[in-house]
């Protein structure tokens, strides 16, 4: 597995934390954790964008973050679970997986030209 893809995955996990933090942070420590999660997630996608196409990086990062946030809200914050939501998350993740499978590195594209 390319290290850049690992950075995207870890960055998406941190994205879930900061998005949830924006909604649920209610003290200084929670806000500090939210800011740290935000900084880590953005740093990781910036690093990943150096090696992979930026459009693919952004789409995969936000897709995984969106799916993770919706699932976390359902699991930890009693958000209603609907079959339609789960099917749409599965469709989103299928698109993310498809982008990962067809996305090469920027270096590979430069070598092809």
N, C-alpha and C. Protein backbone atom coordinates (compact mmCIF):
# COMPACT_ATOMS: atom_id res chain seq x y z
N UNK A 1 0.85 -1.19 0.00
CA UNK A 1 0.00 0.00 0.00
C UNK A 1 0.89 1.25 0.00
N UNK A 2 0.58 2.17 -0.87
CA UNK A 2 1.31 3.43 -0.95
C UNK A 2 1.08 4.23 0.34
N UNK A 3 2.14 4.79 0.87
CA UNK A 3 2.05 5.54 2.13
C UNK A 3 1.08 6.71 2.00
N UNK A 4 0.97 7.32 0.83
CA UNK A 4 0.05 8.44 0.64
C UNK A 4 -1.39 8.04 0.88
N UNK A 5 -1.76 6.83 0.46
CA UNK A 5 -3.13 6.35 0.71
C UNK A 5 -3.35 6.16 2.21
N UNK A 6 -2.33 5.71 2.92
CA UNK A 6 -2.44 5.57 4.37
C UNK A 6 -2.66 6.94 5.01
N UNK A 7 -1.95 7.96 4.52
CA UNK A 7 -2.13 9.32 5.03
C UNK A 7 -3.56 9.80 4.81
N UNK A 8 -4.12 9.49 3.65
CA UNK A 8 -5.51 9.89 3.37
C UNK A 8 -6.46 9.21 4.36
N UNK A 9 -6.27 7.93 4.56
CA UNK A 9 -7.15 7.19 5.48
C UNK A 9 -7.05 7.75 6.90
N UNK A 10 -5.83 7.95 7.39
CA UNK A 10 -5.65 8.49 8.75
C UNK A 10 -6.20 9.92 8.82
N UNK A 11 -5.97 10.70 7.77
CA UNK A 11 -6.51 12.06 7.73
C UNK A 11 -8.03 12.07 7.79
N UNK A 12 -8.66 11.11 7.13
CA UNK A 12 -10.12 11.02 7.15
C UNK A 12 -10.63 10.68 8.55
N UNK A 13 -9.89 9.85 9.27
CA UNK A 13 -10.27 9.53 10.65
C UNK A 13 -10.22 10.81 11.50
N UNK A 14 -9.15 11.59 11.33
CA UNK A 14 -9.06 12.85 12.07
C UNK A 14 -10.14 13.84 11.62
N UNK A 15 -10.54 13.76 10.35
CA UNK A 15 -11.62 14.62 9.88
C UNK A 15 -12.91 14.32 10.63
N UNK A 16 -13.19 13.05 10.85
CA UNK A 16 -14.39 12.68 11.61
C UNK A 16 -14.35 13.33 13.00
N UNK A 17 -13.18 13.31 13.63
CA UNK A 17 -13.07 13.90 14.97
C UNK A 17 -13.32 15.40 14.96
N UNK A 18 -12.72 16.11 13.98
CA UNK A 18 -12.92 17.56 14.02
C UNK A 18 -14.32 17.97 13.59
N UNK A 19 -14.94 17.24 12.69
CA UNK A 19 -16.32 17.57 12.30
C UNK A 19 -17.26 17.35 13.48
N UNK A 20 -17.09 16.23 14.15
CA UNK A 20 -17.92 15.97 15.34
C UNK A 20 -17.61 16.99 16.43
N UNK A 21 -16.33 17.36 16.54
CA UNK A 21 -15.95 18.38 17.53
C UNK A 21 -16.64 19.70 17.30
N UNK A 22 -16.81 20.09 16.02
CA UNK A 22 -17.50 21.35 15.74
C UNK A 22 -18.93 21.34 16.29
N UNK A 23 -19.55 20.19 16.29
CA UNK A 23 -20.93 20.10 16.77
C UNK A 23 -21.01 19.90 18.28
N UNK A 24 -20.10 19.10 18.84
CA UNK A 24 -20.27 18.65 20.22
C UNK A 24 -19.28 19.24 21.22
N UNK A 25 -18.25 19.96 20.78
CA UNK A 25 -17.28 20.52 21.73
C UNK A 25 -17.98 21.56 22.60
N UNK A 26 -17.74 21.44 23.91
CA UNK A 26 -18.40 22.38 24.82
C UNK A 26 -17.47 22.91 25.91
N UNK A 27 -16.19 22.59 25.81
CA UNK A 27 -15.22 23.15 26.76
C UNK A 27 -13.89 23.36 26.02
N UNK A 28 -12.95 23.98 26.70
CA UNK A 28 -11.68 24.34 26.08
C UNK A 28 -10.90 23.11 25.62
N UNK A 29 -10.90 22.05 26.41
CA UNK A 29 -10.17 20.84 26.03
C UNK A 29 -10.74 20.21 24.76
N UNK A 30 -12.06 20.15 24.67
CA UNK A 30 -12.70 19.59 23.48
C UNK A 30 -12.41 20.45 22.25
N UNK A 31 -12.44 21.77 22.42
CA UNK A 31 -12.12 22.65 21.30
C UNK A 31 -10.65 22.52 20.90
N UNK A 32 -9.78 22.36 21.88
CA UNK A 32 -8.35 22.17 21.56
C UNK A 32 -8.15 20.87 20.78
N UNK A 33 -8.83 19.80 21.19
CA UNK A 33 -8.75 18.54 20.46
C UNK A 33 -9.29 18.68 19.05
N UNK A 34 -10.35 19.45 18.89
CA UNK A 34 -10.93 19.69 17.57
C UNK A 34 -9.94 20.40 16.66
N UNK A 35 -9.27 21.41 17.19
CA UNK A 35 -8.28 22.16 16.39
C UNK A 35 -7.10 21.27 16.04
N UNK A 36 -6.64 20.45 16.96
CA UNK A 36 -5.52 19.53 16.68
C UNK A 36 -5.94 18.53 15.60
N UNK A 37 -7.13 17.97 15.71
CA UNK A 37 -7.61 17.02 14.71
C UNK A 37 -7.71 17.69 13.34
N UNK A 38 -8.16 18.93 13.30
CA UNK A 38 -8.26 19.68 12.05
C UNK A 38 -6.87 19.87 11.44
N UNK A 39 -5.91 20.27 12.24
CA UNK A 39 -4.55 20.48 11.74
C UNK A 39 -3.92 19.18 11.23
N UNK A 40 -4.08 18.10 11.97
CA UNK A 40 -3.51 16.82 11.56
C UNK A 40 -4.14 16.34 10.25
N UNK A 41 -5.47 16.43 10.14
CA UNK A 41 -6.13 15.95 8.93
C UNK A 41 -5.69 16.75 7.71
N UNK A 42 -5.62 18.06 7.84
CA UNK A 42 -5.20 18.87 6.69
C UNK A 42 -3.74 18.65 6.35
N UNK A 43 -2.90 18.50 7.34
CA UNK A 43 -1.48 18.21 7.07
C UNK A 43 -1.34 16.91 6.28
N UNK A 44 -2.07 15.89 6.69
CA UNK A 44 -1.97 14.59 6.01
C UNK A 44 -2.47 14.63 4.57
N UNK A 45 -3.54 15.38 4.30
CA UNK A 45 -3.98 15.43 2.90
C UNK A 45 -3.04 16.29 2.07
N UNK A 46 -2.41 17.28 2.66
CA UNK A 46 -1.41 18.07 1.93
C UNK A 46 -0.23 17.20 1.55
N UNK A 47 0.24 16.38 2.49
CA UNK A 47 1.35 15.47 2.21
C UNK A 47 0.96 14.45 1.14
N UNK A 48 -0.24 13.90 1.24
CA UNK A 48 -0.70 12.91 0.26
C UNK A 48 -0.84 13.54 -1.12
N UNK A 49 -1.24 14.81 -1.17
CA UNK A 49 -1.43 15.49 -2.46
C UNK A 49 -0.12 15.70 -3.22
N UNK A 50 0.99 15.61 -2.53
CA UNK A 50 2.28 15.75 -3.20
C UNK A 50 2.57 14.55 -4.10
N UNK A 51 2.00 13.40 -3.79
CA UNK A 51 2.28 12.17 -4.54
C UNK A 51 1.12 11.66 -5.38
N UNK A 52 -0.09 12.08 -5.07
CA UNK A 52 -1.29 11.58 -5.75
C UNK A 52 -2.03 12.76 -6.38
N UNK A 53 -2.88 12.50 -7.37
CA UNK A 53 -3.67 13.59 -7.96
C UNK A 53 -4.56 14.25 -6.91
N UNK A 54 -4.52 15.56 -6.86
CA UNK A 54 -5.20 16.30 -5.80
C UNK A 54 -6.71 16.07 -5.84
N UNK A 55 -7.30 15.94 -7.02
CA UNK A 55 -8.74 15.70 -7.11
C UNK A 55 -9.12 14.37 -6.49
N UNK A 56 -8.31 13.35 -6.74
CA UNK A 56 -8.56 12.04 -6.16
C UNK A 56 -8.38 12.08 -4.65
N UNK A 57 -7.31 12.73 -4.20
CA UNK A 57 -7.05 12.84 -2.76
C UNK A 57 -8.23 13.50 -2.06
N UNK A 58 -8.68 14.61 -2.61
CA UNK A 58 -9.76 15.35 -1.97
C UNK A 58 -11.07 14.55 -1.97
N UNK A 59 -11.37 13.92 -3.08
CA UNK A 59 -12.62 13.14 -3.16
C UNK A 59 -12.60 11.96 -2.20
N UNK A 60 -11.49 11.25 -2.12
CA UNK A 60 -11.39 10.10 -1.22
C UNK A 60 -11.43 10.57 0.24
N UNK A 61 -10.67 11.62 0.54
CA UNK A 61 -10.62 12.17 1.90
C UNK A 61 -12.00 12.60 2.37
N UNK A 62 -12.70 13.39 1.56
CA UNK A 62 -14.01 13.87 1.99
C UNK A 62 -15.06 12.75 1.98
N UNK A 63 -14.94 11.81 1.05
CA UNK A 63 -15.87 10.68 1.02
C UNK A 63 -15.75 9.82 2.26
N UNK A 64 -14.51 9.47 2.60
CA UNK A 64 -14.30 8.67 3.82
C UNK A 64 -14.70 9.45 5.06
N UNK A 65 -14.38 10.74 5.09
CA UNK A 65 -14.75 11.56 6.24
C UNK A 65 -16.25 11.68 6.40
N UNK A 66 -16.94 11.86 5.28
CA UNK A 66 -18.40 11.96 5.32
C UNK A 66 -19.02 10.66 5.82
N UNK A 67 -18.59 9.56 5.24
CA UNK A 67 -19.12 8.26 5.66
C UNK A 67 -18.82 8.01 7.14
N UNK A 68 -17.60 8.28 7.54
CA UNK A 68 -17.21 8.08 8.93
C UNK A 68 -18.00 8.95 9.89
N UNK A 69 -18.24 10.19 9.49
CA UNK A 69 -19.00 11.10 10.35
C UNK A 69 -20.45 10.64 10.50
N UNK A 70 -21.07 10.25 9.42
CA UNK A 70 -22.46 9.78 9.47
C UNK A 70 -22.56 8.52 10.34
N UNK A 71 -21.63 7.60 10.14
CA UNK A 71 -21.65 6.36 10.94
C UNK A 71 -21.38 6.66 12.42
N UNK A 72 -20.42 7.53 12.71
CA UNK A 72 -20.11 7.88 14.10
C UNK A 72 -21.31 8.55 14.77
N UNK A 73 -21.99 9.42 14.04
CA UNK A 73 -23.18 10.07 14.61
C UNK A 73 -24.26 9.04 14.94
N UNK A 74 -24.41 8.03 14.08
CA UNK A 74 -25.42 7.00 14.34
C UNK A 74 -25.02 6.12 15.52
N UNK A 75 -23.73 5.78 15.61
CA UNK A 75 -23.27 4.87 16.66
C UNK A 75 -23.14 5.55 18.01
N UNK A 76 -22.58 6.75 18.04
CA UNK A 76 -22.25 7.38 19.32
C UNK A 76 -23.23 8.46 19.78
N UNK A 77 -24.01 9.02 18.86
CA UNK A 77 -24.86 10.16 19.22
C UNK A 77 -26.33 9.93 18.88
N UNK A 78 -26.74 8.67 18.76
CA UNK A 78 -28.14 8.29 18.59
C UNK A 78 -28.84 8.96 17.41
N UNK A 79 -28.07 9.23 16.36
CA UNK A 79 -28.68 9.71 15.11
C UNK A 79 -29.50 8.55 14.54
N UNK A 80 -30.67 8.83 13.98
CA UNK A 80 -31.51 7.73 13.45
C UNK A 80 -30.79 6.95 12.34
N UNK A 81 -30.95 5.64 12.38
CA UNK A 81 -30.38 4.76 11.36
C UNK A 81 -31.48 4.43 10.37
N UNK A 82 -31.23 4.76 9.12
CA UNK A 82 -32.19 4.46 8.05
C UNK A 82 -31.49 3.64 6.99
N UNK A 83 -32.20 2.67 6.44
CA UNK A 83 -31.65 1.84 5.38
C UNK A 83 -31.15 2.68 4.21
N UNK A 84 -31.88 3.72 3.88
CA UNK A 84 -31.48 4.60 2.78
C UNK A 84 -30.12 5.24 3.06
N UNK A 85 -29.91 5.70 4.29
CA UNK A 85 -28.61 6.28 4.66
C UNK A 85 -27.49 5.26 4.48
N UNK A 86 -27.73 4.05 4.96
CA UNK A 86 -26.70 3.01 4.86
C UNK A 86 -26.40 2.66 3.40
N UNK A 87 -27.42 2.61 2.57
CA UNK A 87 -27.20 2.32 1.15
C UNK A 87 -26.44 3.46 0.46
N UNK A 88 -26.76 4.68 0.81
CA UNK A 88 -26.04 5.82 0.23
C UNK A 88 -24.58 5.87 0.69
N UNK A 89 -24.33 5.50 1.94
CA UNK A 89 -22.95 5.43 2.42
C UNK A 89 -22.20 4.34 1.65
N UNK A 90 -22.85 3.21 1.42
CA UNK A 90 -22.22 2.13 0.65
C UNK A 90 -21.91 2.60 -0.77
N UNK A 91 -22.81 3.34 -1.37
CA UNK A 91 -22.58 3.87 -2.72
C UNK A 91 -21.42 4.86 -2.71
N UNK A 92 -21.38 5.72 -1.71
CA UNK A 92 -20.29 6.68 -1.57
C UNK A 92 -18.96 5.96 -1.43
N UNK A 93 -18.91 4.94 -0.57
CA UNK A 93 -17.67 4.19 -0.38
C UNK A 93 -17.26 3.42 -1.63
N UNK A 94 -18.24 2.95 -2.41
CA UNK A 94 -17.91 2.29 -3.68
C UNK A 94 -17.25 3.28 -4.63
N UNK A 95 -17.75 4.51 -4.67
CA UNK A 95 -17.13 5.54 -5.50
C UNK A 95 -15.73 5.88 -5.03
N UNK A 96 -15.55 5.97 -3.71
CA UNK A 96 -14.22 6.24 -3.15
C UNK A 96 -13.25 5.11 -3.51
N UNK A 97 -13.70 3.88 -3.37
CA UNK A 97 -12.85 2.74 -3.72
C UNK A 97 -12.50 2.77 -5.21
N UNK A 98 -13.48 3.10 -6.04
CA UNK A 98 -13.22 3.21 -7.47
C UNK A 98 -12.17 4.27 -7.77
N UNK A 99 -12.25 5.42 -7.12
CA UNK A 99 -11.23 6.46 -7.32
C UNK A 99 -9.86 6.00 -6.88
N UNK A 100 -9.81 5.26 -5.78
CA UNK A 100 -8.52 4.76 -5.32
C UNK A 100 -7.94 3.78 -6.34
N UNK A 101 -8.78 2.94 -6.90
CA UNK A 101 -8.30 1.94 -7.85
C UNK A 101 -7.80 2.55 -9.15
N UNK A 102 -8.41 3.63 -9.61
CA UNK A 102 -7.99 4.23 -10.87
C UNK A 102 -7.00 5.37 -10.68
N UNK A 103 -6.83 5.85 -9.45
CA UNK A 103 -5.93 6.97 -9.20
C UNK A 103 -4.49 6.53 -9.10
N UNK A 104 -3.66 7.06 -9.98
CA UNK A 104 -2.22 6.79 -9.92
C UNK A 104 -1.53 7.90 -9.18
N UNK A 105 -0.22 7.89 -9.21
CA UNK A 105 0.53 8.97 -8.58
C UNK A 105 0.81 10.07 -9.59
N UNK A 106 1.08 11.27 -9.12
CA UNK A 106 1.41 12.37 -10.00
C UNK A 106 2.68 12.06 -10.78
N UNK A 107 3.63 11.36 -10.16
CA UNK A 107 4.88 11.00 -10.82
C UNK A 107 4.64 10.06 -12.00
N UNK A 108 3.68 9.13 -11.86
CA UNK A 108 3.36 8.22 -12.95
C UNK A 108 2.77 8.97 -14.12
N UNK A 109 1.93 9.97 -13.85
CA UNK A 109 1.33 10.76 -14.92
C UNK A 109 2.39 11.58 -15.64
N UNK A 110 3.33 12.16 -14.87
CA UNK A 110 4.39 12.96 -15.49
C UNK A 110 5.28 12.09 -16.35
N UNK A 111 5.56 10.87 -15.93
CA UNK A 111 6.41 9.96 -16.70
C UNK A 111 5.74 9.54 -17.99
N UNK A 112 4.39 9.48 -18.00
CA UNK A 112 3.66 9.05 -19.18
C UNK A 112 3.69 10.12 -20.27
N UNK A 113 3.86 11.40 -19.89
CA UNK A 113 3.87 12.48 -20.87
C UNK A 113 5.24 12.70 -21.37
